[in-house]
PDB file of all heavy atoms in Angstrom:
ATOM      1  N   GLY A   1     -68.621 131.690 -86.376  1.00  0.00           N
ATOM      2  CA  GLY A   1     -68.785 132.279 -84.990  1.00  0.00           C
ATOM      3  C   GLY A   1     -69.422 133.610 -85.071  1.00  0.00           C
ATOM      4  O   GLY A   1     -69.167 134.375 -86.006  1.00  0.00           O
ATOM      5  N   ILE A   2     -70.490 133.854 -84.255  1.00  0.00           N
ATOM      6  CA  ILE A   2     -71.043 135.191 -84.211  1.00  0.00           C
ATOM      7  C   ILE A   2     -70.799 135.772 -82.887  1.00  0.00           C
ATOM      8  O   ILE A   2     -70.858 135.200 -81.838  1.00  0.00           O
ATOM      9  CB  ILE A   2     -72.533 135.078 -84.475  1.00  0.00           C
ATOM     10  CG1 ILE A   2     -73.338 134.262 -83.404  1.00  0.00           C
ATOM     11  CG2 ILE A   2     -72.807 134.499 -85.828  1.00  0.00           C
ATOM     12  CD1 ILE A   2     -74.812 134.366 -83.433  1.00  0.00           C
ATOM     13  N   TYR A   3     -70.232 137.039 -82.937  1.00  0.00           N
ATOM     14  CA  TYR A   3     -69.922 137.820 -81.745  1.00  0.00           C
ATOM     15  C   TYR A   3     -71.167 138.681 -81.381  1.00  0.00           C
ATOM     16  O   TYR A   3     -71.636 139.437 -82.301  1.00  0.00           O
ATOM     17  CB  TYR A   3     -68.701 138.672 -81.860  1.00  0.00           C
ATOM     18  CG  TYR A   3     -68.194 139.341 -80.744  1.00  0.00           C
ATOM     19  CD1 TYR A   3     -67.254 138.772 -79.871  1.00  0.00           C
ATOM     20  CD2 TYR A   3     -68.803 140.549 -80.322  1.00  0.00           C
ATOM     21  CE1 TYR A   3     -66.944 139.423 -78.661  1.00  0.00           C
ATOM     22  CE2 TYR A   3     -68.388 141.102 -79.072  1.00  0.00           C
ATOM     23  CZ  TYR A   3     -67.510 140.607 -78.330  1.00  0.00           C
ATOM     24  OH  TYR A   3     -67.135 141.231 -77.104  1.00  0.00           O
ATOM     25  N   VAL A   4     -71.496 138.656 -80.134  1.00  0.00           N
ATOM     26  CA  VAL A   4     -72.661 139.501 -79.728  1.00  0.00           C
ATOM     27  C   VAL A   4     -72.250 140.318 -78.566  1.00  0.00           C
ATOM     28  O   VAL A   4     -71.745 139.703 -77.510  1.00  0.00           O
ATOM     29  CB  VAL A   4     -73.864 138.590 -79.440  1.00  0.00           C
ATOM     30  CG1 VAL A   4     -75.075 139.363 -78.843  1.00  0.00           C
ATOM     31  CG2 VAL A   4     -74.407 137.699 -80.548  1.00  0.00           C
ATOM     32  N   PRO A   5     -72.371 141.609 -78.523  1.00  0.00           N
ATOM     33  CA  PRO A   5     -72.028 142.396 -77.372  1.00  0.00           C
ATOM     34  C   PRO A   5     -72.912 141.940 -76.148  1.00  0.00           C
ATOM     35  O   PRO A   5     -73.983 141.452 -76.360  1.00  0.00           O
ATOM     36  CB  PRO A   5     -72.539 143.801 -77.857  1.00  0.00           C
ATOM     37  CG  PRO A   5     -72.473 143.800 -79.248  1.00  0.00           C
ATOM     38  CD  PRO A   5     -72.974 142.380 -79.677  1.00  0.00           C
ATOM     39  N   GLY A   6     -72.446 142.153 -74.985  1.00  0.00           N
ATOM     40  CA  GLY A   6     -73.034 141.820 -73.781  1.00  0.00           C
ATOM     41  C   GLY A   6     -73.127 142.957 -72.841  1.00  0.00           C
ATOM     42  O   GLY A   6     -72.758 144.059 -73.110  1.00  0.00           O
ATOM     43  N   GLY A   7     -73.604 142.693 -71.648  1.00  0.00           N
ATOM     44  CA  GLY A   7     -73.719 143.767 -70.532  1.00  0.00           C
ATOM     45  C   GLY A   7     -74.688 144.774 -70.957  1.00  0.00           C
ATOM     46  O   GLY A   7     -75.937 144.499 -71.355  1.00  0.00           O
ATOM     47  N   LYS A   8     -74.385 146.114 -70.836  1.00  0.00           N
ATOM     48  CA  LYS A   8     -75.303 147.226 -71.143  1.00  0.00           C
ATOM     49  C   LYS A   8     -75.784 147.091 -72.629  1.00  0.00           C
ATOM     50  O   LYS A   8     -76.918 147.476 -72.944  1.00  0.00           O
ATOM     51  CB  LYS A   8     -74.798 148.513 -70.814  1.00  0.00           C
ATOM     52  CG  LYS A   8     -74.623 148.685 -69.266  1.00  0.00           C
ATOM     53  CD  LYS A   8     -74.090 150.176 -68.945  1.00  0.00           C
ATOM     54  CE  LYS A   8     -73.907 150.341 -67.468  1.00  0.00           C
ATOM     55  NZ  LYS A   8     -73.303 151.681 -67.195  1.00  0.00           N
ATOM     56  N   ALA A   9     -74.752 146.792 -73.487  1.00  0.00           N
ATOM     57  CA  ALA A   9     -75.074 146.781 -74.902  1.00  0.00           C
ATOM     58  C   ALA A   9     -75.483 145.343 -75.155  1.00  0.00           C
ATOM     59  O   ALA A   9     -74.743 144.545 -75.778  1.00  0.00           O
ATOM     60  CB  ALA A   9     -73.767 147.144 -75.666  1.00  0.00           C
ATOM     61  N   ALA A  10     -76.783 144.983 -74.938  1.00  0.00           N
ATOM     62  CA  ALA A  10     -77.311 143.768 -75.263  1.00  0.00           C
ATOM     63  C   ALA A  10     -78.310 143.818 -76.426  1.00  0.00           C
ATOM     64  O   ALA A  10     -79.232 144.492 -76.213  1.00  0.00           O
ATOM     65  CB  ALA A  10     -78.078 143.163 -74.021  1.00  0.00           C
ATOM     66  N   TYR A  11     -78.004 143.076 -77.485  1.00  0.00           N
ATOM     67  CA  TYR A  11     -78.780 143.178 -78.784  1.00  0.00           C
ATOM     68  C   TYR A  11     -79.303 141.879 -79.205  1.00  0.00           C
ATOM     69  O   TYR A  11     -78.553 141.240 -80.035  1.00  0.00           O
ATOM     70  CB  TYR A  11     -77.789 143.900 -79.727  1.00  0.00           C
ATOM     71  CG  TYR A  11     -77.337 145.306 -79.439  1.00  0.00           C
ATOM     72  CD1 TYR A  11     -76.006 145.553 -79.286  1.00  0.00           C
ATOM     73  CD2 TYR A  11     -78.370 146.330 -79.241  1.00  0.00           C
ATOM     74  CE1 TYR A  11     -75.631 146.850 -79.062  1.00  0.00           C
ATOM     75  CE2 TYR A  11     -77.887 147.609 -78.941  1.00  0.00           C
ATOM     76  CZ  TYR A  11     -76.608 147.802 -78.773  1.00  0.00           C
ATOM     77  OH  TYR A  11     -76.068 149.085 -78.542  1.00  0.00           O
ATOM     78  N   PRO A  12     -80.410 141.427 -78.812  1.00  0.00           N
ATOM     79  CA  PRO A  12     -80.939 140.166 -79.279  1.00  0.00           C
ATOM     80  C   PRO A  12     -81.138 140.277 -80.763  1.00  0.00           C
ATOM     81  O   PRO A  12     -81.102 139.147 -81.564  1.00  0.00           O
ATOM     82  CB  PRO A  12     -82.305 140.012 -78.516  1.00  0.00           C
ATOM     83  CG  PRO A  12     -82.602 141.422 -78.052  1.00  0.00           C
ATOM     84  CD  PRO A  12     -81.283 142.063 -77.668  1.00  0.00           C
ATOM     85  N   SER A  13     -81.426 141.482 -81.362  1.00  0.00           N
ATOM     86  CA  SER A  13     -81.607 141.533 -82.754  1.00  0.00           C
ATOM     87  C   SER A  13     -80.390 141.126 -83.563  1.00  0.00           C
ATOM     88  O   SER A  13     -80.439 140.628 -84.561  1.00  0.00           O
ATOM     89  CB  SER A  13     -82.083 143.046 -83.122  1.00  0.00           C
ATOM     90  OG  SER A  13     -81.091 143.982 -82.646  1.00  0.00           O
ATOM     91  N   SER A  14     -79.225 141.563 -82.896  1.00  0.00           N
ATOM     92  CA  SER A  14     -77.942 141.141 -83.560  1.00  0.00           C
ATOM     93  C   SER A  14     -77.806 139.678 -83.682  1.00  0.00           C
ATOM     94  O   SER A  14     -77.204 139.049 -84.626  1.00  0.00           O
ATOM     95  CB  SER A  14     -76.727 141.728 -82.899  1.00  0.00           C
ATOM     96  OG  SER A  14     -76.674 143.188 -83.120  1.00  0.00           O
ATOM     97  N   VAL A  15     -78.230 138.909 -82.632  1.00  0.00           N
ATOM     98  CA  VAL A  15     -78.199 137.498 -82.708  1.00  0.00           C
ATOM     99  C   VAL A  15     -78.974 136.930 -83.882  1.00  0.00           C
ATOM    100  O   VAL A  15     -78.483 136.105 -84.691  1.00  0.00           O
ATOM    101  CB  VAL A  15     -78.748 136.813 -81.422  1.00  0.00           C
ATOM    102  CG1 VAL A  15     -78.718 135.352 -81.489  1.00  0.00           C
ATOM    103  CG2 VAL A  15     -77.992 137.375 -80.192  1.00  0.00           C
ATOM    104  N   ILE A  16     -80.260 137.434 -84.112  1.00  0.00           N
ATOM    105  CA  ILE A  16     -81.018 136.908 -85.191  1.00  0.00           C
ATOM    106  C   ILE A  16     -80.427 137.303 -86.458  1.00  0.00           C
ATOM    107  O   ILE A  16     -80.464 136.496 -87.448  1.00  0.00           O
ATOM    108  CB  ILE A  16     -82.457 137.594 -85.001  1.00  0.00           C
ATOM    109  CG1 ILE A  16     -83.157 136.929 -83.810  1.00  0.00           C
ATOM    110  CG2 ILE A  16     -83.255 137.296 -86.197  1.00  0.00           C
ATOM    111  CD1 ILE A  16     -84.493 137.587 -83.376  1.00  0.00           C
ATOM    112  N   MET A  17     -79.976 138.510 -86.676  1.00  0.00           N
ATOM    113  CA  MET A  17     -79.363 138.986 -87.939  1.00  0.00           C
ATOM    114  C   MET A  17     -78.147 138.208 -88.347  1.00  0.00           C
ATOM    115  O   MET A  17     -77.916 138.118 -89.594  1.00  0.00           O
ATOM    116  CB  MET A  17     -79.165 140.428 -87.861  1.00  0.00           C
ATOM    117  CG  MET A  17     -80.528 141.309 -87.644  1.00  0.00           C
ATOM    118  SD  MET A  17     -81.507 141.283 -89.166  1.00  0.00           S
ATOM    119  CE  MET A  17     -82.894 142.409 -88.712  1.00  0.00           C
ATOM    120  N   ASN A  18     -77.349 137.732 -87.404  1.00  0.00           N
ATOM    121  CA  ASN A  18     -76.116 137.138 -87.699  1.00  0.00           C
ATOM    122  C   ASN A  18     -76.279 135.604 -87.834  1.00  0.00           C
ATOM    123  O   ASN A  18     -75.778 134.997 -88.798  1.00  0.00           O
ATOM    124  CB  ASN A  18     -75.060 137.381 -86.647  1.00  0.00           C
ATOM    125  CG  ASN A  18     -74.433 138.800 -86.864  1.00  0.00           C
ATOM    126  OD1 ASN A  18     -73.463 138.920 -87.677  1.00  0.00           O
ATOM    127  ND2 ASN A  18     -74.993 139.790 -86.124  1.00  0.00           N
ATOM    128  N   ALA A  19     -77.180 135.101 -86.993  1.00  0.00           N
ATOM    129  CA  ALA A  19     -77.293 133.570 -86.967  1.00  0.00           C
ATOM    130  C   ALA A  19     -78.339 133.115 -88.087  1.00  0.00           C
ATOM    131  O   ALA A  19     -78.065 132.015 -88.753  1.00  0.00           O
ATOM    132  CB  ALA A  19     -77.789 133.088 -85.550  1.00  0.00           C
ATOM    133  N   MET A  20     -79.373 133.820 -88.357  1.00  0.00           N
ATOM    134  CA  MET A  20     -80.455 133.339 -89.243  1.00  0.00           C
ATOM    135  C   MET A  20     -79.919 133.101 -90.684  1.00  0.00           C
ATOM    136  O   MET A  20     -80.237 132.146 -91.257  1.00  0.00           O
ATOM    137  CB  MET A  20     -81.654 134.216 -89.234  1.00  0.00           C
ATOM    138  CG  MET A  20     -82.895 133.536 -89.756  1.00  0.00           C
ATOM    139  SD  MET A  20     -83.248 131.881 -89.127  1.00  0.00           S
ATOM    140  CE  MET A  20     -83.927 132.368 -87.500  1.00  0.00           C
ATOM    141  N   PRO A  21     -79.200 134.120 -91.225  1.00  0.00           N
ATOM    142  CA  PRO A  21     -78.689 133.801 -92.614  1.00  0.00           C
ATOM    143  C   PRO A  21     -77.743 132.696 -92.651  1.00  0.00           C
ATOM    144  O   PRO A  21     -77.652 131.987 -93.661  1.00  0.00           O
ATOM    145  CB  PRO A  21     -78.055 135.165 -93.016  1.00  0.00           C
ATOM    146  CG  PRO A  21     -77.773 135.990 -91.808  1.00  0.00           C
ATOM    147  CD  PRO A  21     -78.928 135.531 -90.793  1.00  0.00           C
ATOM    148  N   ALA A  22     -76.922 132.443 -91.603  1.00  0.00           N
ATOM    149  CA  ALA A  22     -76.024 131.313 -91.548  1.00  0.00           C
ATOM    150  C   ALA A  22     -76.796 129.981 -91.401  1.00  0.00           C
ATOM    151  O   ALA A  22     -76.529 129.061 -92.302  1.00  0.00           O
ATOM    152  CB  ALA A  22     -75.144 131.298 -90.330  1.00  0.00           C
ATOM    153  N   HIS A  23     -77.826 130.046 -90.740  1.00  0.00           N
ATOM    154  CA  HIS A  23     -78.763 128.854 -90.591  1.00  0.00           C
ATOM    155  C   HIS A  23     -79.454 128.578 -92.033  1.00  0.00           C
ATOM    156  O   HIS A  23     -79.485 127.464 -92.489  1.00  0.00           O
ATOM    157  CB  HIS A  23     -79.846 129.136 -89.607  1.00  0.00           C
ATOM    158  CG  HIS A  23     -80.869 128.109 -89.451  1.00  0.00           C
ATOM    159  ND1 HIS A  23     -80.581 126.785 -88.817  1.00  0.00           N
ATOM    160  CD2 HIS A  23     -82.148 128.006 -89.863  1.00  0.00           C
ATOM    161  CE1 HIS A  23     -81.772 126.114 -88.883  1.00  0.00           C
ATOM    162  NE2 HIS A  23     -82.724 126.732 -89.407  1.00  0.00           N
ATOM    163  N   VAL A  24     -79.958 129.659 -92.696  1.00  0.00           N
ATOM    164  CA  VAL A  24     -80.600 129.490 -93.992  1.00  0.00           C
ATOM    165  C   VAL A  24     -79.541 128.958 -95.044  1.00  0.00           C
ATOM    166  O   VAL A  24     -79.860 128.110 -95.810  1.00  0.00           O
ATOM    167  CB  VAL A  24     -81.103 130.806 -94.423  1.00  0.00           C
ATOM    168  CG1 VAL A  24     -81.602 130.763 -95.983  1.00  0.00           C
ATOM    169  CG2 VAL A  24     -82.293 131.227 -93.556  1.00  0.00           C
ATOM    170  N   ALA A  25     -78.308 129.387 -94.851  1.00  0.00           N
ATOM    171  CA  ALA A  25     -77.221 128.898 -95.850  1.00  0.00           C
ATOM    172  C   ALA A  25     -76.870 127.445 -95.664  1.00  0.00           C
ATOM    173  O   ALA A  25     -76.287 126.934 -96.624  1.00  0.00           O
ATOM    174  CB  ALA A  25     -76.035 129.729 -95.688  1.00  0.00           C
ATOM    175  N   GLY A  26     -77.279 126.872 -94.596  1.00  0.00           N
ATOM    176  CA  GLY A  26     -76.911 125.428 -94.272  1.00  0.00           C
ATOM    177  C   GLY A  26     -75.747 125.162 -93.513  1.00  0.00           C
ATOM    178  O   GLY A  26     -75.238 124.101 -93.420  1.00  0.00           O
ATOM    179  N   VAL A  27     -75.279 126.205 -92.735  1.00  0.00           N
ATOM    180  CA  VAL A  27     -74.156 126.098 -91.844  1.00  0.00           C
ATOM    181  C   VAL A  27     -74.465 125.159 -90.707  1.00  0.00           C
ATOM    182  O   VAL A  27     -75.525 125.348 -90.078  1.00  0.00           O
ATOM    183  CB  VAL A  27     -73.682 127.501 -91.212  1.00  0.00           C
ATOM    184  CG1 VAL A  27     -72.529 127.263 -90.244  1.00  0.00           C
ATOM    185  CG2 VAL A  27     -73.212 128.447 -92.279  1.00  0.00           C
ATOM    186  N   LYS A  28     -73.724 124.091 -90.476  1.00  0.00           N
ATOM    187  CA  LYS A  28     -74.033 123.140 -89.510  1.00  0.00           C
ATOM    188  C   LYS A  28     -73.806 123.503 -88.080  1.00  0.00           C
ATOM    189  O   LYS A  28     -74.554 123.197 -87.258  1.00  0.00           O
ATOM    190  CB  LYS A  28     -73.199 121.816 -89.834  1.00  0.00           C
ATOM    191  CG  LYS A  28     -73.521 121.175 -91.173  1.00  0.00           C
ATOM    192  CD  LYS A  28     -72.657 119.957 -91.382  1.00  0.00           C
ATOM    193  CE  LYS A  28     -73.011 119.291 -92.790  1.00  0.00           C
ATOM    194  NZ  LYS A  28     -72.088 118.111 -93.063  1.00  0.00           N
ATOM    195  N   GLU A  29     -72.796 124.309 -87.835  1.00  0.00           N
ATOM    196  CA  GLU A  29     -72.480 124.753 -86.403  1.00  0.00           C
ATOM    197  C   GLU A  29     -72.429 126.294 -86.413  1.00  0.00           C
ATOM    198  O   GLU A  29     -71.654 126.785 -87.076  1.00  0.00           O
ATOM    199  CB  GLU A  29     -71.193 124.202 -85.937  1.00  0.00           C
ATOM    200  CG  GLU A  29     -71.262 122.697 -85.546  1.00  0.00           C
ATOM    201  CD  GLU A  29     -69.887 122.232 -84.971  1.00  0.00           C
ATOM    202  OE1 GLU A  29     -69.743 122.458 -83.788  1.00  0.00           O
ATOM    203  OE2 GLU A  29     -69.068 121.598 -85.693  1.00  0.00           O
ATOM    204  N   ILE A  30     -73.237 126.900 -85.603  1.00  0.00           N
ATOM    205  CA  ILE A  30     -73.229 128.232 -85.307  1.00  0.00           C
ATOM    206  C   ILE A  30     -72.801 128.449 -83.747  1.00  0.00           C
ATOM    207  O   ILE A  30     -73.532 128.192 -82.908  1.00  0.00           O
ATOM    208  CB  ILE A  30     -74.495 129.009 -85.533  1.00  0.00           C
ATOM    209  CG1 ILE A  30     -74.980 128.648 -86.994  1.00  0.00           C
ATOM    210  CG2 ILE A  30     -74.468 130.396 -85.373  1.00  0.00           C
ATOM    211  CD1 ILE A  30     -76.389 129.128 -87.327  1.00  0.00           C
ATOM    212  N   ILE A  31     -71.614 128.980 -83.647  1.00  0.00           N
ATOM    213  CA  ILE A  31     -70.965 129.164 -82.253  1.00  0.00           C
ATOM    214  C   ILE A  31     -71.039 130.597 -81.883  1.00  0.00           C
ATOM    215  O   ILE A  31     -70.605 131.499 -82.637  1.00  0.00           O
ATOM    216  CB  ILE A  31     -69.500 128.794 -82.133  1.00  0.00           C
ATOM    217  CG1 ILE A  31     -69.312 127.296 -82.783  1.00  0.00           C
ATOM    218  CG2 ILE A  31     -68.939 128.816 -80.753  1.00  0.00           C
ATOM    219  CD1 ILE A  31     -70.083 126.260 -81.987  1.00  0.00           C
ATOM    220  N   MET A  32     -71.701 130.947 -80.841  1.00  0.00           N
ATOM    221  CA  MET A  32     -71.869 132.269 -80.352  1.00  0.00           C
ATOM    222  C   MET A  32     -71.025 132.604 -79.165  1.00  0.00           C
ATOM    223  O   MET A  32     -70.966 131.847 -78.357  1.00  0.00           O
ATOM    224  CB  MET A  32     -73.418 132.552 -80.053  1.00  0.00           C
ATOM    225  CG  MET A  32     -73.656 134.089 -79.706  1.00  0.00           C
ATOM    226  SD  MET A  32     -75.507 134.289 -79.519  1.00  0.00           S
ATOM    227  CE  MET A  32     -75.585 134.498 -77.710  1.00  0.00           C
ATOM    228  N   THR A  33     -70.409 133.741 -79.126  1.00  0.00           N
ATOM    229  CA  THR A  33     -69.708 134.282 -78.021  1.00  0.00           C
ATOM    230  C   THR A  33     -70.393 135.578 -77.533  1.00  0.00           C
ATOM    231  O   THR A  33     -70.818 136.371 -78.377  1.00  0.00           O
ATOM    232  CB  THR A  33     -68.297 134.488 -78.244  1.00  0.00           C
ATOM    233  OG1 THR A  33     -68.169 135.609 -79.135  1.00  0.00           O
ATOM    234  CG2 THR A  33     -67.476 133.212 -78.656  1.00  0.00           C
ATOM    235  N   VAL A  34     -70.616 135.729 -76.227  1.00  0.00           N
ATOM    236  CA  VAL A  34     -71.228 136.904 -75.682  1.00  0.00           C
ATOM    237  C   VAL A  34     -70.637 137.089 -74.239  1.00  0.00           C
ATOM    238  O   VAL A  34     -70.687 136.186 -73.468  1.00  0.00           O
ATOM    239  CB  VAL A  34     -72.840 136.706 -75.579  1.00  0.00           C
ATOM    240  CG1 VAL A  34     -73.266 135.541 -74.713  1.00  0.00           C
ATOM    241  CG2 VAL A  34     -73.447 137.992 -75.044  1.00  0.00           C
TER     242      VAL A  34
END
């Protein structure tokens, strides 16, 4: 699970930095909450 701040503190870069290494590692499911 990756937690991403929302509202005024919106960080698309945090999505990439958290999800991409999980994807590279072979994680089958990446669940995001925002």
